[in-house]
């Protein structure tokens, strides 16, 4: 498996698909990187030469914010929202959906598994 900016990319896939395994690179950016580094996007990643891999790495380091730096940037943005106490920051702090989704019935991914609350006992059972 070739290593590009510290990430192993799959051998058997085309270069433009393999580059998507790097955090922060999507379909469009992967094609742009291949074009800028003058590498065929349809060449298998395992067949790329060391020179082609170094050109791809140079383009990524020069033009893109990726991997650890991007993750750190996202976390700093969220921390800033929390610190200023805006609505989005409060939603992040409470672990609720941030972008206006409903929470009465859905949002289980964000809220976690249901916490069942015991129901009230009826009057008949109390006698």
N, C-alpha and C. Protein backbone atom coordinates (compact mmCIF):
# COMPACT_ATOMS: atom_id res chain seq x y z
N UNK A 1 0.84 -1.19 0.00
CA UNK A 1 0.00 0.00 0.00
C UNK A 1 0.87 1.25 0.00
N UNK A 2 0.67 2.12 -0.95
CA UNK A 2 1.44 3.37 -0.96
C UNK A 2 1.01 4.27 0.21
N UNK A 3 1.97 5.01 0.72
CA UNK A 3 1.67 5.96 1.80
C UNK A 3 1.75 7.37 1.25
N UNK A 4 0.67 8.12 1.47
CA UNK A 4 0.63 9.52 1.05
C UNK A 4 0.26 10.34 2.28
N UNK A 5 1.07 11.32 2.64
CA UNK A 5 0.90 12.16 3.82
C UNK A 5 0.50 11.35 5.06
N UNK A 6 1.18 10.22 5.26
CA UNK A 6 0.96 9.43 6.47
C UNK A 6 -0.24 8.51 6.44
N UNK A 7 -0.90 8.36 5.31
CA UNK A 7 -2.09 7.51 5.21
C UNK A 7 -1.84 6.43 4.17
N UNK A 8 -2.14 5.18 4.53
CA UNK A 8 -2.05 4.09 3.55
C UNK A 8 -3.26 4.16 2.63
N UNK A 9 -3.01 4.21 1.33
CA UNK A 9 -4.13 4.22 0.38
C UNK A 9 -4.17 2.86 -0.32
N UNK A 10 -5.36 2.38 -0.67
CA UNK A 10 -5.48 1.04 -1.25
C UNK A 10 -4.79 0.91 -2.62
N UNK A 11 -4.17 -0.25 -2.82
CA UNK A 11 -3.44 -0.54 -4.07
C UNK A 11 -4.36 -0.71 -5.27
N UNK A 12 -5.46 -1.42 -5.05
CA UNK A 12 -6.25 -1.93 -6.17
C UNK A 12 -7.26 -0.95 -6.74
N UNK A 13 -7.33 0.24 -6.20
CA UNK A 13 -8.31 1.23 -6.69
C UNK A 13 -7.60 2.30 -7.51
N UNK A 14 -8.35 2.98 -8.38
CA UNK A 14 -7.74 4.08 -9.15
C UNK A 14 -7.24 5.18 -8.21
N UNK A 15 -6.28 5.94 -8.67
CA UNK A 15 -5.64 6.96 -7.84
C UNK A 15 -6.65 7.96 -7.29
N UNK A 16 -7.59 8.41 -8.13
CA UNK A 16 -8.52 9.44 -7.66
C UNK A 16 -9.49 8.89 -6.62
N UNK A 17 -9.72 7.58 -6.59
CA UNK A 17 -10.56 6.96 -5.57
C UNK A 17 -9.74 6.73 -4.30
N UNK A 18 -8.50 6.28 -4.47
CA UNK A 18 -7.63 6.01 -3.33
C UNK A 18 -7.33 7.27 -2.53
N UNK A 19 -7.20 8.40 -3.21
CA UNK A 19 -6.89 9.64 -2.51
C UNK A 19 -8.01 10.06 -1.55
N UNK A 20 -9.23 9.58 -1.79
CA UNK A 20 -10.35 9.93 -0.92
C UNK A 20 -10.23 9.32 0.47
N UNK A 21 -9.32 8.38 0.65
CA UNK A 21 -9.12 7.79 1.97
C UNK A 21 -8.41 8.76 2.91
N UNK A 22 -7.90 9.85 2.39
CA UNK A 22 -7.25 10.88 3.19
C UNK A 22 -8.33 11.83 3.70
N UNK A 23 -8.34 12.10 5.01
CA UNK A 23 -9.34 12.96 5.62
C UNK A 23 -9.23 14.36 5.03
N UNK A 24 -10.33 14.86 4.49
CA UNK A 24 -10.36 16.20 3.92
C UNK A 24 -10.30 16.21 2.40
N UNK A 25 -10.22 15.05 1.77
CA UNK A 25 -10.19 14.99 0.31
C UNK A 25 -11.43 14.26 -0.18
N UNK A 26 -12.19 14.94 -1.02
CA UNK A 26 -13.40 14.37 -1.60
C UNK A 26 -13.19 14.10 -3.08
N UNK A 27 -14.29 13.78 -3.78
CA UNK A 27 -14.17 13.43 -5.20
C UNK A 27 -13.56 14.53 -6.06
N UNK A 28 -14.03 15.74 -5.92
CA UNK A 28 -13.56 16.85 -6.77
C UNK A 28 -12.10 17.17 -6.48
N UNK A 29 -11.75 17.26 -5.20
CA UNK A 29 -10.38 17.61 -4.84
C UNK A 29 -9.41 16.51 -5.26
N UNK A 30 -9.84 15.24 -5.19
CA UNK A 30 -8.97 14.14 -5.62
C UNK A 30 -8.64 14.25 -7.10
N UNK A 31 -9.63 14.58 -7.92
CA UNK A 31 -9.38 14.76 -9.35
C UNK A 31 -8.48 15.98 -9.61
N UNK A 32 -8.71 17.06 -8.85
CA UNK A 32 -7.87 18.25 -9.01
C UNK A 32 -6.42 17.96 -8.66
N UNK A 33 -6.20 17.20 -7.58
CA UNK A 33 -4.84 16.86 -7.16
C UNK A 33 -4.15 16.02 -8.24
N UNK A 34 -4.88 15.06 -8.80
CA UNK A 34 -4.31 14.23 -9.88
C UNK A 34 -3.93 15.09 -11.08
N UNK A 35 -4.79 16.05 -11.42
CA UNK A 35 -4.52 16.91 -12.57
C UNK A 35 -3.31 17.81 -12.30
N UNK A 36 -3.24 18.43 -11.10
CA UNK A 36 -2.13 19.32 -10.78
C UNK A 36 -0.80 18.58 -10.71
N UNK A 37 -0.83 17.33 -10.24
CA UNK A 37 0.42 16.57 -10.11
C UNK A 37 0.74 15.79 -11.38
N UNK A 38 -0.07 15.94 -12.41
CA UNK A 38 0.13 15.30 -13.71
C UNK A 38 0.22 13.78 -13.59
N UNK A 39 -0.75 13.23 -12.82
CA UNK A 39 -0.86 11.78 -12.65
C UNK A 39 -2.21 11.37 -13.24
N UNK A 40 -2.24 10.26 -13.94
CA UNK A 40 -3.50 9.78 -14.50
C UNK A 40 -4.43 9.37 -13.37
N UNK A 41 -5.63 9.94 -13.30
CA UNK A 41 -6.54 9.60 -12.20
C UNK A 41 -7.01 8.15 -12.25
N UNK A 42 -6.94 7.52 -13.42
CA UNK A 42 -7.43 6.15 -13.55
C UNK A 42 -6.34 5.11 -13.38
N UNK A 43 -5.09 5.53 -13.16
CA UNK A 43 -4.01 4.59 -12.91
C UNK A 43 -4.20 4.00 -11.51
N UNK A 44 -3.93 2.72 -11.35
CA UNK A 44 -4.06 2.08 -10.05
C UNK A 44 -3.04 2.68 -9.07
N UNK A 45 -3.44 2.85 -7.83
CA UNK A 45 -2.57 3.46 -6.83
C UNK A 45 -1.33 2.61 -6.59
N UNK A 46 -1.47 1.29 -6.69
CA UNK A 46 -0.32 0.42 -6.50
C UNK A 46 0.70 0.52 -7.61
N UNK A 47 0.28 0.99 -8.78
CA UNK A 47 1.18 1.10 -9.94
C UNK A 47 1.89 2.45 -10.02
N UNK A 48 1.57 3.38 -9.12
CA UNK A 48 2.19 4.70 -9.17
C UNK A 48 3.65 4.60 -8.77
N UNK A 49 4.50 5.36 -9.44
CA UNK A 49 5.93 5.37 -9.12
C UNK A 49 6.18 6.27 -7.92
N UNK A 50 7.39 6.16 -7.36
CA UNK A 50 7.77 7.01 -6.22
C UNK A 50 7.72 8.49 -6.60
N UNK A 51 8.11 8.78 -7.84
CA UNK A 51 8.11 10.18 -8.30
C UNK A 51 6.69 10.73 -8.34
N UNK A 52 5.74 9.93 -8.86
CA UNK A 52 4.34 10.37 -8.93
C UNK A 52 3.76 10.55 -7.52
N UNK A 53 4.09 9.64 -6.61
CA UNK A 53 3.61 9.78 -5.23
C UNK A 53 4.18 11.03 -4.57
N UNK A 54 5.44 11.32 -4.85
CA UNK A 54 6.04 12.53 -4.26
C UNK A 54 5.42 13.79 -4.84
N UNK A 55 5.04 13.77 -6.13
CA UNK A 55 4.36 14.94 -6.72
C UNK A 55 2.99 15.13 -6.10
N UNK A 56 2.27 14.02 -5.89
CA UNK A 56 0.95 14.11 -5.24
C UNK A 56 1.10 14.67 -3.83
N UNK A 57 2.09 14.16 -3.09
CA UNK A 57 2.33 14.63 -1.73
C UNK A 57 2.66 16.12 -1.71
N UNK A 58 3.48 16.57 -2.65
CA UNK A 58 3.86 17.98 -2.72
C UNK A 58 2.64 18.86 -2.97
N UNK A 59 1.77 18.43 -3.89
CA UNK A 59 0.56 19.21 -4.19
C UNK A 59 -0.35 19.27 -2.96
N UNK A 60 -0.52 18.14 -2.28
CA UNK A 60 -1.38 18.11 -1.10
C UNK A 60 -0.85 19.02 0.01
N UNK A 61 0.45 18.95 0.26
CA UNK A 61 1.02 19.76 1.34
C UNK A 61 1.00 21.25 1.00
N UNK A 62 1.10 21.56 -0.29
CA UNK A 62 1.13 22.97 -0.70
C UNK A 62 -0.26 23.60 -0.73
N UNK A 63 -1.25 22.86 -1.26
CA UNK A 63 -2.54 23.47 -1.56
C UNK A 63 -3.69 23.11 -0.62
N UNK A 64 -3.55 22.05 0.18
CA UNK A 64 -4.71 21.53 0.91
C UNK A 64 -4.47 21.50 2.42
N UNK A 65 -5.55 21.71 3.16
CA UNK A 65 -5.54 21.49 4.60
C UNK A 65 -6.16 20.10 4.80
N UNK A 66 -5.36 19.14 5.27
CA UNK A 66 -5.84 17.76 5.36
C UNK A 66 -5.40 17.12 6.67
N UNK A 67 -5.97 15.95 6.95
CA UNK A 67 -5.62 15.08 8.08
C UNK A 67 -5.57 15.83 9.41
N UNK A 68 -4.48 15.72 10.15
CA UNK A 68 -4.40 16.24 11.52
C UNK A 68 -4.67 17.73 11.62
N UNK A 69 -4.14 18.48 10.68
CA UNK A 69 -4.32 19.93 10.69
C UNK A 69 -5.78 20.29 10.51
N UNK A 70 -6.49 19.59 9.62
CA UNK A 70 -7.91 19.85 9.39
C UNK A 70 -8.74 19.44 10.60
N UNK A 71 -8.44 18.27 11.18
CA UNK A 71 -9.16 17.82 12.38
C UNK A 71 -9.00 18.84 13.52
N UNK A 72 -7.78 19.33 13.69
CA UNK A 72 -7.50 20.32 14.73
C UNK A 72 -8.27 21.61 14.47
N UNK A 73 -8.32 22.03 13.22
CA UNK A 73 -9.03 23.25 12.84
C UNK A 73 -10.52 23.12 13.14
N UNK A 74 -11.11 21.97 12.82
CA UNK A 74 -12.54 21.74 13.08
C UNK A 74 -12.80 21.77 14.58
N UNK A 75 -11.95 21.11 15.38
CA UNK A 75 -12.12 21.10 16.83
C UNK A 75 -11.98 22.51 17.42
N UNK A 76 -11.08 23.31 16.88
CA UNK A 76 -10.93 24.69 17.36
C UNK A 76 -12.16 25.52 17.03
N UNK A 77 -12.75 25.30 15.86
CA UNK A 77 -13.97 26.02 15.50
C UNK A 77 -15.11 25.68 16.44
N UNK A 78 -15.25 24.39 16.77
CA UNK A 78 -16.30 23.97 17.70
C UNK A 78 -16.04 24.54 19.09
N UNK A 79 -14.78 24.52 19.53
CA UNK A 79 -14.44 25.08 20.84
C UNK A 79 -14.76 26.57 20.90
N UNK A 80 -14.52 27.27 19.80
CA UNK A 80 -14.82 28.71 19.76
C UNK A 80 -16.32 28.94 19.91
N UNK A 81 -17.13 28.13 19.21
CA UNK A 81 -18.58 28.27 19.33
C UNK A 81 -19.04 28.00 20.76
N UNK A 82 -18.45 27.00 21.41
CA UNK A 82 -18.81 26.71 22.80
C UNK A 82 -18.44 27.86 23.72
N UNK A 83 -17.24 28.42 23.50
CA UNK A 83 -16.76 29.48 24.39
C UNK A 83 -17.61 30.75 24.30
N UNK A 84 -18.04 31.11 23.10
CA UNK A 84 -18.82 32.34 22.98
C UNK A 84 -20.27 32.13 23.39
N UNK A 85 -20.66 30.86 23.56
CA UNK A 85 -22.00 30.57 24.07
C UNK A 85 -23.11 30.80 23.08
N UNK A 86 -22.83 30.71 21.80
CA UNK A 86 -23.88 30.88 20.81
C UNK A 86 -24.75 29.63 20.75
N UNK A 87 -25.84 29.70 20.02
CA UNK A 87 -26.79 28.59 19.95
C UNK A 87 -26.11 27.31 19.49
N UNK A 88 -25.33 27.41 18.42
CA UNK A 88 -24.65 26.21 17.90
C UNK A 88 -23.69 25.64 18.93
N UNK A 89 -23.00 26.51 19.68
CA UNK A 89 -22.08 26.05 20.72
C UNK A 89 -22.80 25.32 21.84
N UNK A 90 -23.97 25.84 22.22
CA UNK A 90 -24.77 25.20 23.27
C UNK A 90 -25.24 23.83 22.80
N UNK A 91 -25.66 23.72 21.55
CA UNK A 91 -26.10 22.42 21.02
C UNK A 91 -24.95 21.42 21.00
N UNK A 92 -23.75 21.88 20.64
CA UNK A 92 -22.58 20.99 20.69
C UNK A 92 -22.33 20.54 22.13
N UNK A 93 -22.40 21.48 23.07
CA UNK A 93 -22.12 21.16 24.47
C UNK A 93 -23.10 20.14 25.01
N UNK A 94 -24.37 20.25 24.64
CA UNK A 94 -25.40 19.34 25.14
C UNK A 94 -25.49 18.03 24.36
N UNK A 95 -24.78 17.94 23.24
CA UNK A 95 -24.81 16.73 22.44
C UNK A 95 -26.09 16.56 21.66
N UNK A 96 -26.68 17.66 21.25
CA UNK A 96 -27.92 17.64 20.47
C UNK A 96 -27.63 18.05 19.02
N UNK A 97 -28.57 17.82 18.09
CA UNK A 97 -28.33 18.23 16.71
C UNK A 97 -28.09 19.73 16.59
N UNK A 98 -27.16 20.10 15.73
CA UNK A 98 -26.72 21.48 15.64
C UNK A 98 -27.43 22.24 14.52
N UNK A 99 -27.89 21.53 13.49
CA UNK A 99 -28.34 22.21 12.28
C UNK A 99 -29.85 22.24 12.12
N UNK A 100 -30.59 22.34 13.21
CA UNK A 100 -32.02 22.59 13.11
C UNK A 100 -32.89 21.37 12.94
N UNK A 101 -32.36 20.16 13.11
CA UNK A 101 -33.18 18.97 12.95
C UNK A 101 -34.14 18.84 14.13
N UNK A 102 -35.23 18.09 13.91
CA UNK A 102 -36.19 17.87 14.99
C UNK A 102 -35.59 16.92 16.01
N UNK A 103 -36.01 17.06 17.27
CA UNK A 103 -35.47 16.20 18.31
C UNK A 103 -36.55 15.45 19.07
N UNK A 104 -37.83 15.73 18.80
CA UNK A 104 -38.88 15.05 19.55
C UNK A 104 -38.90 13.56 19.22
N UNK A 105 -38.77 13.21 17.94
CA UNK A 105 -38.85 11.81 17.56
C UNK A 105 -37.53 11.25 17.06
N UNK A 106 -36.74 12.01 16.36
CA UNK A 106 -35.51 11.48 15.77
C UNK A 106 -34.29 11.93 16.56
N UNK A 107 -33.16 12.06 15.93
CA UNK A 107 -31.89 12.52 16.52
C UNK A 107 -31.28 11.48 17.45
N UNK A 108 -31.55 10.18 17.22
CA UNK A 108 -31.01 9.15 18.10
C UNK A 108 -29.49 9.03 17.94
N UNK A 109 -28.96 9.32 16.78
CA UNK A 109 -27.53 9.24 16.59
C UNK A 109 -26.82 10.22 17.51
N UNK A 110 -27.35 11.39 17.61
CA UNK A 110 -26.73 12.45 18.39
C UNK A 110 -27.04 12.32 19.88
N UNK A 111 -28.26 11.89 20.22
CA UNK A 111 -28.68 11.82 21.61
C UNK A 111 -28.31 10.51 22.29
N UNK A 112 -28.02 9.47 21.50
CA UNK A 112 -27.68 8.18 22.09
C UNK A 112 -28.93 7.33 22.28
N UNK A 113 -28.76 6.14 22.87
CA UNK A 113 -29.92 5.26 23.04
C UNK A 113 -30.96 5.87 23.97
N UNK A 114 -32.20 5.42 23.81
CA UNK A 114 -33.30 5.95 24.61
C UNK A 114 -33.08 5.67 26.09
N UNK A 115 -33.45 6.66 26.92
CA UNK A 115 -33.40 6.49 28.36
C UNK A 115 -34.84 6.39 28.84
N UNK A 116 -35.29 5.19 29.14
CA UNK A 116 -36.68 4.97 29.51
C UNK A 116 -36.94 5.50 30.92
N UNK A 117 -38.05 6.21 31.06
CA UNK A 117 -38.46 6.73 32.36
C UNK A 117 -39.66 5.91 32.81
N UNK A 118 -39.63 5.45 34.06
CA UNK A 118 -40.74 4.63 34.56
C UNK A 118 -42.03 5.44 34.61
N UNK A 119 -43.15 4.79 34.20
CA UNK A 119 -44.42 5.49 34.19
C UNK A 119 -45.02 5.57 35.60
N UNK A 120 -46.06 6.42 35.76
CA UNK A 120 -46.71 6.57 37.06
C UNK A 120 -47.55 5.33 37.34
N UNK A 121 -47.67 5.01 38.61
CA UNK A 121 -48.54 3.89 38.99
C UNK A 121 -49.98 4.39 39.01
N UNK A 122 -50.89 3.50 38.63
CA UNK A 122 -52.30 3.90 38.59
C UNK A 122 -52.87 3.90 40.01
N UNK A 123 -54.05 4.51 40.15
CA UNK A 123 -54.71 4.64 41.46
C UNK A 123 -55.08 3.27 42.02
N UNK A 124 -55.48 2.31 41.17
CA UNK A 124 -55.88 0.99 41.61
C UNK A 124 -54.73 0.24 42.27
N UNK A 125 -53.53 0.38 41.76
CA UNK A 125 -52.39 -0.34 42.31
C UNK A 125 -51.95 0.22 43.65
N UNK A 126 -52.27 1.46 43.94
CA UNK A 126 -51.85 2.09 45.18
C UNK A 126 -52.71 1.62 46.36
N UNK A 127 -53.90 1.08 46.15
CA UNK A 127 -54.77 0.68 47.25
C UNK A 127 -54.35 -0.59 47.88
